[in-house]
Amino acid sequence: MENIDLRRTAAALPQAWQSRALARIGGVNVKVLRMDGSASPAETHAHAEGLLVLDGELRLEVAGAPVTVRAGELYTVPAGVPHAVAHGSTGVLLILDS
């Protein structure tokens, strides 16, 4: 195994909001991405999704309600719940999904 510098990995990604899979642990995908302040349309998944903000702030709209996730916080979006990224989300995000 090797250490992975998550902030450096996210900074090196060619485009914001395109995640890079780092590992699969116990059936869970571990992905990192860089947030650049832009919004993204709503999406829904058949599985729950964990969103862990490493740096910055993630602004979401979840089932029509605003949610802010700050550095060091984990937010779980339940399966089947629509969620969208709002303008102003910046930093590094770790995604956990199946």
N, C-alpha and C. Protein backbone atom coordinates (compact mmCIF):
# COMPACT_ATOMS: atom_id res chain seq x y z
N MET A 1 0.84 -1.18 0.00
CA MET A 1 0.00 0.00 0.00
C MET A 1 0.88 1.24 0.00
N GLU A 2 0.31 2.30 -0.48
CA GLU A 2 1.01 3.57 -0.50
C GLU A 2 0.12 4.65 0.11
N ASN A 3 0.76 5.69 0.61
CA ASN A 3 0.00 6.84 1.09
C ASN A 3 -0.48 7.64 -0.11
N ILE A 4 -1.68 8.16 -0.03
CA ILE A 4 -2.24 8.99 -1.09
C ILE A 4 -2.50 10.37 -0.52
N ASP A 5 -1.89 11.38 -1.11
CA ASP A 5 -2.13 12.76 -0.70
C ASP A 5 -3.41 13.22 -1.40
N LEU A 6 -4.50 13.27 -0.68
CA LEU A 6 -5.81 13.54 -1.28
C LEU A 6 -5.89 14.95 -1.86
N ARG A 7 -5.35 15.92 -1.17
CA ARG A 7 -5.40 17.30 -1.68
C ARG A 7 -4.57 17.43 -2.96
N ARG A 8 -3.40 16.85 -2.97
CA ARG A 8 -2.54 16.91 -4.17
C ARG A 8 -3.18 16.15 -5.33
N THR A 9 -3.78 15.00 -5.03
CA THR A 9 -4.45 14.22 -6.08
C THR A 9 -5.60 15.01 -6.69
N ALA A 10 -6.40 15.66 -5.84
CA ALA A 10 -7.53 16.46 -6.33
C ALA A 10 -7.04 17.64 -7.15
N ALA A 11 -5.97 18.31 -6.70
CA ALA A 11 -5.44 19.47 -7.41
C ALA A 11 -4.90 19.09 -8.79
N ALA A 12 -4.43 17.86 -8.94
CA ALA A 12 -3.85 17.41 -10.21
C ALA A 12 -4.90 16.93 -11.21
N LEU A 13 -6.14 16.81 -10.79
CA LEU A 13 -7.18 16.35 -11.72
C LEU A 13 -7.38 17.37 -12.83
N PRO A 14 -7.54 16.92 -14.08
CA PRO A 14 -7.64 17.86 -15.20
C PRO A 14 -8.90 18.73 -15.18
N GLN A 15 -9.99 18.24 -14.58
CA GLN A 15 -11.23 19.02 -14.54
C GLN A 15 -11.88 18.90 -13.16
N ALA A 16 -12.47 20.00 -12.75
CA ALA A 16 -13.26 19.97 -11.52
C ALA A 16 -14.49 19.09 -11.72
N TRP A 17 -14.98 18.55 -10.65
CA TRP A 17 -16.20 17.74 -10.60
C TRP A 17 -16.08 16.42 -11.34
N GLN A 18 -14.88 16.03 -11.73
CA GLN A 18 -14.69 14.69 -12.29
C GLN A 18 -13.86 13.90 -11.29
N SER A 19 -14.48 12.95 -10.65
CA SER A 19 -13.82 12.22 -9.58
C SER A 19 -12.81 11.22 -10.12
N ARG A 20 -11.88 10.88 -9.25
CA ARG A 20 -10.89 9.84 -9.55
C ARG A 20 -11.05 8.77 -8.49
N ALA A 21 -11.27 7.54 -8.93
CA ALA A 21 -11.37 6.42 -8.00
C ALA A 21 -9.97 6.11 -7.46
N LEU A 22 -9.88 6.02 -6.14
CA LEU A 22 -8.60 5.76 -5.49
C LEU A 22 -8.49 4.33 -4.98
N ALA A 23 -9.61 3.77 -4.53
CA ALA A 23 -9.59 2.43 -3.95
C ALA A 23 -11.01 1.90 -3.85
N ARG A 24 -11.08 0.60 -3.64
CA ARG A 24 -12.35 -0.06 -3.31
C ARG A 24 -12.09 -0.83 -2.03
N ILE A 25 -12.82 -0.47 -0.98
CA ILE A 25 -12.59 -1.06 0.33
C ILE A 25 -13.90 -1.62 0.86
N GLY A 26 -13.94 -2.93 1.08
CA GLY A 26 -15.15 -3.55 1.63
C GLY A 26 -16.40 -3.26 0.83
N GLY A 27 -16.28 -3.21 -0.48
CA GLY A 27 -17.43 -2.94 -1.35
C GLY A 27 -17.75 -1.47 -1.52
N VAL A 28 -16.92 -0.59 -0.97
CA VAL A 28 -17.15 0.85 -1.08
C VAL A 28 -16.08 1.48 -1.97
N ASN A 29 -16.53 2.27 -2.94
CA ASN A 29 -15.60 3.03 -3.77
C ASN A 29 -15.18 4.28 -3.02
N VAL A 30 -13.89 4.59 -3.07
CA VAL A 30 -13.35 5.81 -2.47
C VAL A 30 -12.86 6.68 -3.62
N LYS A 31 -13.47 7.88 -3.76
CA LYS A 31 -13.16 8.77 -4.88
C LYS A 31 -12.84 10.16 -4.34
N VAL A 32 -12.02 10.89 -5.08
CA VAL A 32 -11.71 12.27 -4.70
C VAL A 32 -12.00 13.17 -5.89
N LEU A 33 -12.39 14.41 -5.60
CA LEU A 33 -12.58 15.38 -6.67
C LEU A 33 -12.32 16.78 -6.16
N ARG A 34 -12.17 17.68 -7.10
CA ARG A 34 -11.93 19.09 -6.81
C ARG A 34 -13.20 19.87 -7.14
N MET A 35 -13.65 20.69 -6.20
CA MET A 35 -14.83 21.53 -6.41
C MET A 35 -14.35 22.93 -6.81
N ASP A 36 -14.99 23.53 -7.80
CA ASP A 36 -14.51 24.81 -8.32
C ASP A 36 -15.51 25.96 -8.22
N GLY A 37 -16.56 25.79 -7.44
CA GLY A 37 -17.54 26.85 -7.28
C GLY A 37 -18.74 26.76 -8.20
N SER A 38 -18.65 25.92 -9.23
CA SER A 38 -19.77 25.82 -10.17
C SER A 38 -20.82 24.85 -9.63
N ALA A 39 -22.02 24.98 -10.15
CA ALA A 39 -23.14 24.13 -9.74
C ALA A 39 -23.23 22.92 -10.66
N SER A 40 -23.97 21.92 -10.23
CA SER A 40 -24.24 20.77 -11.10
C SER A 40 -25.71 20.39 -10.93
N PRO A 41 -26.29 19.79 -11.98
CA PRO A 41 -27.72 19.45 -11.92
C PRO A 41 -27.99 18.33 -10.91
N ALA A 42 -29.25 18.20 -10.56
CA ALA A 42 -29.67 17.17 -9.61
C ALA A 42 -29.43 15.78 -10.18
N GLU A 43 -29.09 14.88 -9.28
CA GLU A 43 -28.92 13.48 -9.65
C GLU A 43 -29.46 12.62 -8.51
N THR A 44 -29.76 11.38 -8.85
CA THR A 44 -30.27 10.41 -7.88
C THR A 44 -29.53 9.11 -8.11
N HIS A 45 -29.19 8.42 -7.02
CA HIS A 45 -28.48 7.15 -7.13
C HIS A 45 -29.29 6.03 -6.48
N ALA A 46 -29.04 4.81 -6.92
CA ALA A 46 -29.70 3.65 -6.34
C ALA A 46 -29.03 3.24 -5.03
N HIS A 47 -27.95 3.89 -4.67
CA HIS A 47 -27.20 3.58 -3.45
C HIS A 47 -26.98 4.87 -2.65
N ALA A 48 -26.73 4.72 -1.36
CA ALA A 48 -26.38 5.87 -0.53
C ALA A 48 -25.01 6.38 -0.95
N GLU A 49 -24.77 7.66 -0.69
CA GLU A 49 -23.50 8.28 -1.07
C GLU A 49 -23.00 9.11 0.12
N GLY A 50 -21.76 8.85 0.54
CA GLY A 50 -21.15 9.62 1.60
C GLY A 50 -20.31 10.73 0.99
N LEU A 51 -20.46 11.95 1.48
CA LEU A 51 -19.74 13.12 0.97
C LEU A 51 -18.95 13.72 2.13
N LEU A 52 -17.63 13.56 2.08
CA LEU A 52 -16.74 14.04 3.14
C LEU A 52 -15.92 15.20 2.60
N VAL A 53 -16.11 16.38 3.15
CA VAL A 53 -15.39 17.57 2.70
C VAL A 53 -14.05 17.62 3.44
N LEU A 54 -12.97 17.60 2.66
CA LEU A 54 -11.63 17.66 3.24
C LEU A 54 -11.15 19.10 3.38
N ASP A 55 -11.44 19.91 2.39
CA ASP A 55 -11.10 21.33 2.37
C ASP A 55 -12.29 22.08 1.80
N GLY A 56 -12.54 23.27 2.29
CA GLY A 56 -13.58 24.12 1.71
C GLY A 56 -14.95 23.84 2.23
N GLU A 57 -15.93 23.93 1.31
CA GLU A 57 -17.33 23.82 1.69
C GLU A 57 -18.14 23.29 0.51
N LEU A 58 -19.03 22.36 0.79
CA LEU A 58 -19.93 21.80 -0.22
C LEU A 58 -21.33 22.33 0.07
N ARG A 59 -21.94 22.96 -0.92
CA ARG A 59 -23.30 23.47 -0.80
C ARG A 59 -24.20 22.60 -1.67
N LEU A 60 -25.19 22.02 -1.05
CA LEU A 60 -26.10 21.10 -1.74
C LEU A 60 -27.53 21.58 -1.63
N GLU A 61 -28.35 21.05 -2.53
CA GLU A 61 -29.79 21.09 -2.38
C GLU A 61 -30.21 19.63 -2.37
N VAL A 62 -30.76 19.19 -1.26
CA VAL A 62 -31.14 17.79 -1.09
C VAL A 62 -32.64 17.71 -0.89
N ALA A 63 -33.31 17.08 -1.84
CA ALA A 63 -34.78 16.98 -1.81
C ALA A 63 -35.41 18.36 -1.62
N GLY A 64 -34.81 19.37 -2.27
CA GLY A 64 -35.36 20.72 -2.24
C GLY A 64 -34.90 21.59 -1.08
N ALA A 65 -34.14 21.03 -0.14
CA ALA A 65 -33.68 21.79 1.03
C ALA A 65 -32.18 22.08 0.94
N PRO A 66 -31.74 23.29 1.33
CA PRO A 66 -30.32 23.60 1.30
C PRO A 66 -29.56 22.88 2.42
N VAL A 67 -28.37 22.39 2.09
CA VAL A 67 -27.51 21.72 3.05
C VAL A 67 -26.09 22.22 2.82
N THR A 68 -25.38 22.58 3.89
CA THR A 68 -23.98 22.99 3.79
C THR A 68 -23.13 21.99 4.55
N VAL A 69 -22.09 21.49 3.89
CA VAL A 69 -21.16 20.55 4.50
C VAL A 69 -19.79 21.22 4.52
N ARG A 70 -19.22 21.38 5.70
CA ARG A 70 -17.95 22.10 5.86
C ARG A 70 -16.79 21.12 6.01
N ALA A 71 -15.58 21.64 5.91
CA ALA A 71 -14.37 20.83 6.05
C ALA A 71 -14.43 20.03 7.35
N GLY A 72 -14.16 18.73 7.22
CA GLY A 72 -14.19 17.85 8.37
C GLY A 72 -15.54 17.22 8.63
N GLU A 73 -16.55 17.57 7.83
CA GLU A 73 -17.89 17.02 8.02
C GLU A 73 -18.22 16.01 6.93
N LEU A 74 -19.02 15.01 7.31
CA LEU A 74 -19.51 13.97 6.41
C LEU A 74 -21.02 14.10 6.31
N TYR A 75 -21.52 14.08 5.08
CA TYR A 75 -22.97 14.09 4.85
C TYR A 75 -23.31 12.85 4.05
N THR A 76 -24.37 12.15 4.44
CA THR A 76 -24.81 10.97 3.71
C THR A 76 -26.11 11.28 2.99
N VAL A 77 -26.11 11.08 1.69
CA VAL A 77 -27.32 11.23 0.88
C VAL A 77 -27.93 9.83 0.76
N PRO A 78 -29.13 9.63 1.25
CA PRO A 78 -29.76 8.31 1.16
C PRO A 78 -30.04 7.92 -0.30
N ALA A 79 -30.10 6.64 -0.54
CA ALA A 79 -30.44 6.12 -1.86
C ALA A 79 -31.77 6.69 -2.32
N GLY A 80 -31.85 7.05 -3.59
CA GLY A 80 -33.10 7.51 -4.18
C GLY A 80 -33.46 8.96 -3.91
N VAL A 81 -32.63 9.70 -3.18
CA VAL A 81 -32.94 11.09 -2.85
C VAL A 81 -32.23 12.02 -3.84
N PRO A 82 -32.97 12.89 -4.55
CA PRO A 82 -32.33 13.80 -5.49
C PRO A 82 -31.49 14.85 -4.76
N HIS A 83 -30.31 15.11 -5.31
CA HIS A 83 -29.41 16.11 -4.73
C HIS A 83 -28.63 16.80 -5.84
N ALA A 84 -28.37 18.09 -5.64
CA ALA A 84 -27.65 18.90 -6.62
C ALA A 84 -26.62 19.75 -5.89
N VAL A 85 -25.54 20.05 -6.58
CA VAL A 85 -24.52 20.95 -6.02
C VAL A 85 -24.91 22.38 -6.38
N ALA A 86 -24.91 23.24 -5.37
CA ALA A 86 -25.22 24.66 -5.57
C ALA A 86 -23.95 25.45 -5.84
N HIS A 87 -24.10 26.64 -6.44
CA HIS A 87 -22.96 27.52 -6.68
C HIS A 87 -22.23 27.80 -5.38
N GLY A 88 -20.92 27.93 -5.45
CA GLY A 88 -20.13 28.31 -4.29
C GLY A 88 -19.43 27.16 -3.59
N SER A 89 -19.58 25.95 -4.09
CA SER A 89 -18.91 24.80 -3.50
C SER A 89 -17.46 24.78 -3.99
N THR A 90 -16.51 24.86 -3.06
CA THR A 90 -15.10 24.86 -3.42
C THR A 90 -14.31 23.99 -2.46
N GLY A 91 -13.18 23.47 -2.92
CA GLY A 91 -12.30 22.68 -2.09
C GLY A 91 -12.13 21.27 -2.59
N VAL A 92 -11.93 20.34 -1.65
CA VAL A 92 -11.67 18.94 -1.98
C VAL A 92 -12.75 18.08 -1.33
N LEU A 93 -13.31 17.16 -2.12
CA LEU A 93 -14.39 16.31 -1.66
C LEU A 93 -14.00 14.85 -1.84
N LEU A 94 -14.24 14.04 -0.80
CA LEU A 94 -14.06 12.60 -0.87
C LEU A 94 -15.45 11.98 -0.94
N ILE A 95 -15.67 11.12 -1.93
CA ILE A 95 -16.96 10.46 -2.13
C ILE A 95 -16.84 8.98 -1.79
N LEU A 96 -17.81 8.47 -1.04
CA LEU A 96 -17.87 7.06 -0.69
C LEU A 96 -19.19 6.52 -1.23
N ASP A 97 -19.10 5.54 -2.14
CA ASP A 97 -20.32 4.96 -2.70
C ASP A 97 -20.07 3.51 -3.09
N SER A 98 -21.13 2.84 -3.50
CA SER A 98 -20.98 1.44 -3.91
C SER A 98 -21.25 1.27 -5.38
